[in-house]
Amino acid sequence: MTRRQAREYVLQMLFQYEFTGKLIDKIEIKYEMKDKGLNEDTLNFIMDLFFGTVNNIEHIDSIINPKALNWDIDRLAAVDRNILRASTYELLYRSDIPVAVTINEAVDIAKKYSTSESYSLINGILDNIAINCTKNKRR
């Protein structure tokens, strides 16, 4: 499983979490990933990205909201909202991942799972977040 596929899986988990309110158990994730040939690093990446996003969701939303000009995060499509959340988590908490990689992955995932206009909105919001929140981290 590639990191892109891991991010797509996390998007699905965040989408499910948002609609059910139920947190997926780590054992469930390990069980589901068992047949996908998942290595330990990828599993750890999935766990960190999902649980890190969920555990910091209020802070992440407070970062996204002012950057989403004329859009309240609750008015965004659920797919877009969760792509933004996971990507913002990466920007804020994963200094091992270059900003450009995080943004490019988010844009490509949006192109695959969302509308034809969504990727440019996501790109703009994440670029704005990256400029303002990661100035001293990496670029």
C-alpha atoms as a PDB file:
ATOM      1  CA  MET A   1       0.000   0.000   0.000  1.00  0.00           C
ATOM      2  CA  THR A   2       1.384   3.388  -0.978  1.00  0.00           C
ATOM      3  CA  ARG A   3       1.141   6.518   1.149  1.00  0.00           C
ATOM      4  CA  ARG A   4      -1.453   7.828  -1.318  1.00  0.00           C
ATOM      5  CA  GLN A   5      -3.584   4.748  -0.773  1.00  0.00           C
ATOM      6  CA  ALA A   6      -3.085   5.137   2.990  1.00  0.00           C
ATOM      7  CA  ARG A   7      -4.326   8.731   2.772  1.00  0.00           C
ATOM      8  CA  GLU A   8      -7.345   7.588   0.764  1.00  0.00           C
ATOM      9  CA  TYR A   9      -8.093   4.976   3.413  1.00  0.00           C
ATOM     10  CA  VAL A  10      -7.815   7.622   6.142  1.00  0.00           C
ATOM     11  CA  LEU A  11     -10.221   9.820   4.167  1.00  0.00           C
ATOM     12  CA  GLN A  12     -12.733   6.967   4.150  1.00  0.00           C
ATOM     13  CA  MET A  13     -12.283   6.446   7.890  1.00  0.00           C
ATOM     14  CA  LEU A  14     -12.723  10.166   8.616  1.00  0.00           C
ATOM     15  CA  PHE A  15     -15.834  10.232   6.439  1.00  0.00           C
ATOM     16  CA  GLN A  16     -17.244   7.247   8.344  1.00  0.00           C
ATOM     17  CA  TYR A  17     -16.308   8.800  11.696  1.00  0.00           C
ATOM     18  CA  GLU A  18     -18.016  12.069  10.804  1.00  0.00           C
ATOM     19  CA  PHE A  19     -21.288  10.398   9.869  1.00  0.00           C
ATOM     20  CA  THR A  20     -21.452   7.730  12.557  1.00  0.00           C
ATOM     21  CA  GLY A  21     -19.680   9.488  15.406  1.00  0.00           C
ATOM     22  CA  LYS A  22     -18.052   6.152  16.182  1.00  0.00           C
ATOM     23  CA  LEU A  23     -14.298   5.968  16.478  1.00  0.00           C
ATOM     24  CA  ILE A  24     -12.802   3.015  14.635  1.00  0.00           C
ATOM     25  CA  ASP A  25     -10.846   0.733  16.930  1.00  0.00           C
ATOM     26  CA  LYS A  26      -7.122   0.246  16.268  1.00  0.00           C
ATOM     27  CA  ILE A  27      -7.659  -3.514  16.255  1.00  0.00           C
ATOM     28  CA  GLU A  28     -10.321  -3.122  13.544  1.00  0.00           C
ATOM     29  CA  ILE A  29      -7.888  -1.165  11.424  1.00  0.00           C
ATOM     30  CA  LYS A  30      -5.133  -3.752  11.863  1.00  0.00           C
ATOM     31  CA  TYR A  31      -7.558  -6.564  11.028  1.00  0.00           C
ATOM     32  CA  GLU A  32      -8.828  -4.816   7.908  1.00  0.00           C
ATOM     33  CA  MET A  33      -5.309  -3.994   6.740  1.00  0.00           C
ATOM     34  CA  LYS A  34      -3.988  -7.523   7.323  1.00  0.00           C
ATOM     35  CA  ASP A  35      -4.896  -8.727   3.827  1.00  0.00           C
ATOM     36  CA  LYS A  36      -3.590  -5.640   2.058  1.00  0.00           C
ATOM     37  CA  GLY A  37       0.084  -6.481   2.561  1.00  0.00           C
ATOM     38  CA  LEU A  38       0.508  -3.552   4.897  1.00  0.00           C
ATOM     39  CA  ASN A  39       3.920  -2.956   6.410  1.00  0.00           C
ATOM     40  CA  GLU A  40       4.372  -1.575   9.920  1.00  0.00           C
ATOM     41  CA  ASP A  41       5.420   1.914   8.728  1.00  0.00           C
ATOM     42  CA  THR A  42       2.301   2.317   6.610  1.00  0.00           C
ATOM     43  CA  LEU A  43       0.072   1.057   9.409  1.00  0.00           C
ATOM     44  CA  ASN A  44       1.679   3.545  11.796  1.00  0.00           C
ATOM     45  CA  PHE A  45       1.168   6.312   9.227  1.00  0.00           C
ATOM     46  CA  ILE A  46      -2.535   5.440   8.911  1.00  0.00           C
ATOM     47  CA  MET A  47      -2.983   5.307  12.678  1.00  0.00           C
ATOM     48  CA  ASP A  48      -1.179   8.611  13.225  1.00  0.00           C
ATOM     49  CA  LEU A  49      -3.014  10.416  10.442  1.00  0.00           C
ATOM     50  CA  PHE A  50      -6.464   9.173  11.448  1.00  0.00           C
ATOM     51  CA  PHE A  51      -6.220   9.387  15.235  1.00  0.00           C
ATOM     52  CA  GLY A  52      -4.122  12.556  15.107  1.00  0.00           C
ATOM     53  CA  THR A  53      -6.752  14.248  12.946  1.00  0.00           C
ATOM     54  CA  VAL A  54      -9.642  13.071  15.120  1.00  0.00           C
ATOM     55  CA  ASN A  55      -7.905  13.989  18.383  1.00  0.00           C
ATOM     56  CA  ASN A  56      -7.089  17.481  17.099  1.00  0.00           C
ATOM     57  CA  ILE A  57     -10.210  18.077  15.010  1.00  0.00           C
ATOM     58  CA  GLU A  58     -11.386  21.198  16.850  1.00  0.00           C
ATOM     59  CA  HIS A  59      -7.975  22.847  16.546  1.00  0.00           C
ATOM     60  CA  ILE A  60      -7.695  21.786  12.906  1.00  0.00           C
ATOM     61  CA  ASP A  61     -11.165  23.163  12.105  1.00  0.00           C
ATOM     62  CA  SER A  62     -10.229  26.440  13.819  1.00  0.00           C
ATOM     63  CA  ILE A  63      -7.234  26.699  11.468  1.00  0.00           C
ATOM     64  CA  ILE A  64      -9.228  25.815   8.333  1.00  0.00           C
ATOM     65  CA  ASN A  65     -12.263  28.052   8.971  1.00  0.00           C
ATOM     66  CA  PRO A  66     -10.583  31.456   8.611  1.00  0.00           C
ATOM     67  CA  LYS A  67      -8.623  30.262   5.564  1.00  0.00           C
ATOM     68  CA  ALA A  68     -11.742  29.043   3.748  1.00  0.00           C
ATOM     69  CA  LEU A  69     -12.786  32.508   2.658  1.00  0.00           C
ATOM     70  CA  ASN A  70     -16.563  32.836   2.364  1.00  0.00           C
ATOM     71  CA  TRP A  71     -16.979  29.187   3.361  1.00  0.00           C
ATOM     72  CA  ASP A  72     -17.780  27.772   6.754  1.00  0.00           C
ATOM     73  CA  ILE A  73     -16.170  24.372   7.199  1.00  0.00           C
ATOM     74  CA  ASP A  74     -19.596  22.839   7.876  1.00  0.00           C
ATOM     75  CA  ARG A  75     -20.804  24.029   4.468  1.00  0.00           C
ATOM     76  CA  LEU A  76     -18.015  22.292   2.589  1.00  0.00           C
ATOM     77  CA  ALA A  77     -18.689  18.904   1.059  1.00  0.00           C
ATOM     78  CA  ALA A  78     -17.843  16.149   3.553  1.00  0.00           C
ATOM     79  CA  VAL A  79     -15.150  14.745   1.266  1.00  0.00           C
ATOM     80  CA  ASP A  80     -13.486  18.142   0.898  1.00  0.00           C
ATOM     81  CA  ARG A  81     -13.769  18.867   4.613  1.00  0.00           C
ATOM     82  CA  ASN A  82     -12.064  15.606   5.524  1.00  0.00           C
ATOM     83  CA  ILE A  83      -9.336  15.964   2.918  1.00  0.00           C
ATOM     84  CA  LEU A  84      -8.641  19.395   4.408  1.00  0.00           C
ATOM     85  CA  ARG A  85      -8.654  18.044   7.956  1.00  0.00           C
ATOM     86  CA  ALA A  86      -6.192  15.215   7.294  1.00  0.00           C
ATOM     87  CA  SER A  87      -3.947  17.456   5.203  1.00  0.00           C
ATOM     88  CA  THR A  88      -3.983  20.214   7.803  1.00  0.00           C
ATOM     89  CA  TYR A  89      -3.007  17.646  10.407  1.00  0.00           C
ATOM     90  CA  GLU A  90      -0.038  16.715   8.202  1.00  0.00           C
ATOM     91  CA  LEU A  91       0.944  20.362   7.777  1.00  0.00           C
ATOM     92  CA  LEU A  92       0.755  21.102  11.486  1.00  0.00           C
ATOM     93  CA  TYR A  93       2.028  17.907  13.066  1.00  0.00           C
ATOM     94  CA  ARG A  94       4.083  15.947  10.509  1.00  0.00           C
ATOM     95  CA  SER A  95       7.289  17.867   9.880  1.00  0.00           C
ATOM     96  CA  ASP A  96       8.742  14.770   8.177  1.00  0.00           C
ATOM     97  CA  ILE A  97       6.416  15.280   5.196  1.00  0.00           C
ATOM     98  CA  PRO A  98       7.248  18.183   2.875  1.00  0.00           C
ATOM     99  CA  VAL A  99       4.523  20.794   2.484  1.00  0.00           C
ATOM    100  CA  ALA A 100       4.428  20.340  -1.297  1.00  0.00           C
ATOM    101  CA  VAL A 101       3.864  16.602  -0.912  1.00  0.00           C
ATOM    102  CA  THR A 102       0.970  17.128   1.510  1.00  0.00           C
ATOM    103  CA  ILE A 103      -0.711  19.670  -0.755  1.00  0.00           C
ATOM    104  CA  ASN A 104      -0.149  17.680  -3.966  1.00  0.00           C
ATOM    105  CA  GLU A 105      -1.534  14.516  -2.393  1.00  0.00           C
ATOM    106  CA  ALA A 106      -4.619  16.385  -1.160  1.00  0.00           C
ATOM    107  CA  VAL A 107      -5.218  17.922  -4.588  1.00  0.00           C
ATOM    108  CA  ASP A 108      -4.854  14.562  -6.341  1.00  0.00           C
ATOM    109  CA  ILE A 109      -7.187  12.853  -3.873  1.00  0.00           C
ATOM    110  CA  ALA A 110      -9.728  15.660  -4.343  1.00  0.00           C
ATOM    111  CA  LYS A 111      -9.526  15.204  -8.119  1.00  0.00           C
ATOM    112  CA  LYS A 112     -10.310  11.520  -7.632  1.00  0.00           C
ATOM    113  CA  TYR A 113     -13.048  11.720  -4.987  1.00  0.00           C
ATOM    114  CA  SER A 114     -14.651  15.149  -5.262  1.00  0.00           C
ATOM    115  CA  THR A 115     -15.985  17.608  -7.823  1.00  0.00           C
ATOM    116  CA  SER A 116     -13.978  19.126 -10.632  1.00  0.00           C
ATOM    117  CA  GLU A 117     -13.862  22.476  -8.781  1.00  0.00           C
ATOM    118  CA  SER A 118     -12.943  21.149  -5.350  1.00  0.00           C
ATOM    119  CA  TYR A 119      -9.272  20.556  -5.946  1.00  0.00           C
ATOM    120  CA  SER A 120      -8.550  24.233  -6.592  1.00  0.00           C
ATOM    121  CA  LEU A 121     -10.404  25.251  -3.411  1.00  0.00           C
ATOM    122  CA  ILE A 122      -8.456  22.657  -1.416  1.00  0.00           C
ATOM    123  CA  ASN A 123      -5.192  23.767  -2.993  1.00  0.00           C
ATOM    124  CA  GLY A 124      -5.857  27.407  -2.114  1.00  0.00           C
ATOM    125  CA  ILE A 125      -6.884  26.719   1.470  1.00  0.00           C
ATOM    126  CA  LEU A 126      -3.953  24.392   2.152  1.00  0.00           C
ATOM    127  CA  ASP A 127      -1.479  26.777   0.562  1.00  0.00           C
ATOM    128  CA  ASN A 128      -2.820  29.561   2.782  1.00  0.00           C
ATOM    129  CA  ILE A 129      -2.553  27.319   5.851  1.00  0.00           C
ATOM    130  CA  ALA A 130       0.965  26.279   4.899  1.00  0.00           C
ATOM    131  CA  ILE A 131       2.106  29.884   4.454  1.00  0.00           C
ATOM    132  CA  ASN A 132       0.648  31.024   7.760  1.00  0.00           C
ATOM    133  CA  CYS A 133       1.124  27.998  10.002  1.00  0.00           C
ATOM    134  CA  THR A 134       4.377  26.416   8.899  1.00  0.00           C
ATOM    135  CA  LYS A 135       6.596  29.418   8.228  1.00  0.00           C
ATOM    136  CA  ASN A 136       9.343  28.217  10.507  1.00  0.00           C
ATOM    137  CA  LYS A 137       8.878  24.483  10.034  1.00  0.00           C
ATOM    138  CA  ARG A 138       9.536  23.560   6.417  1.00  0.00           C
ATOM    139  CA  ARG A 139       8.665  24.699   2.928  1.00  0.00           C
END
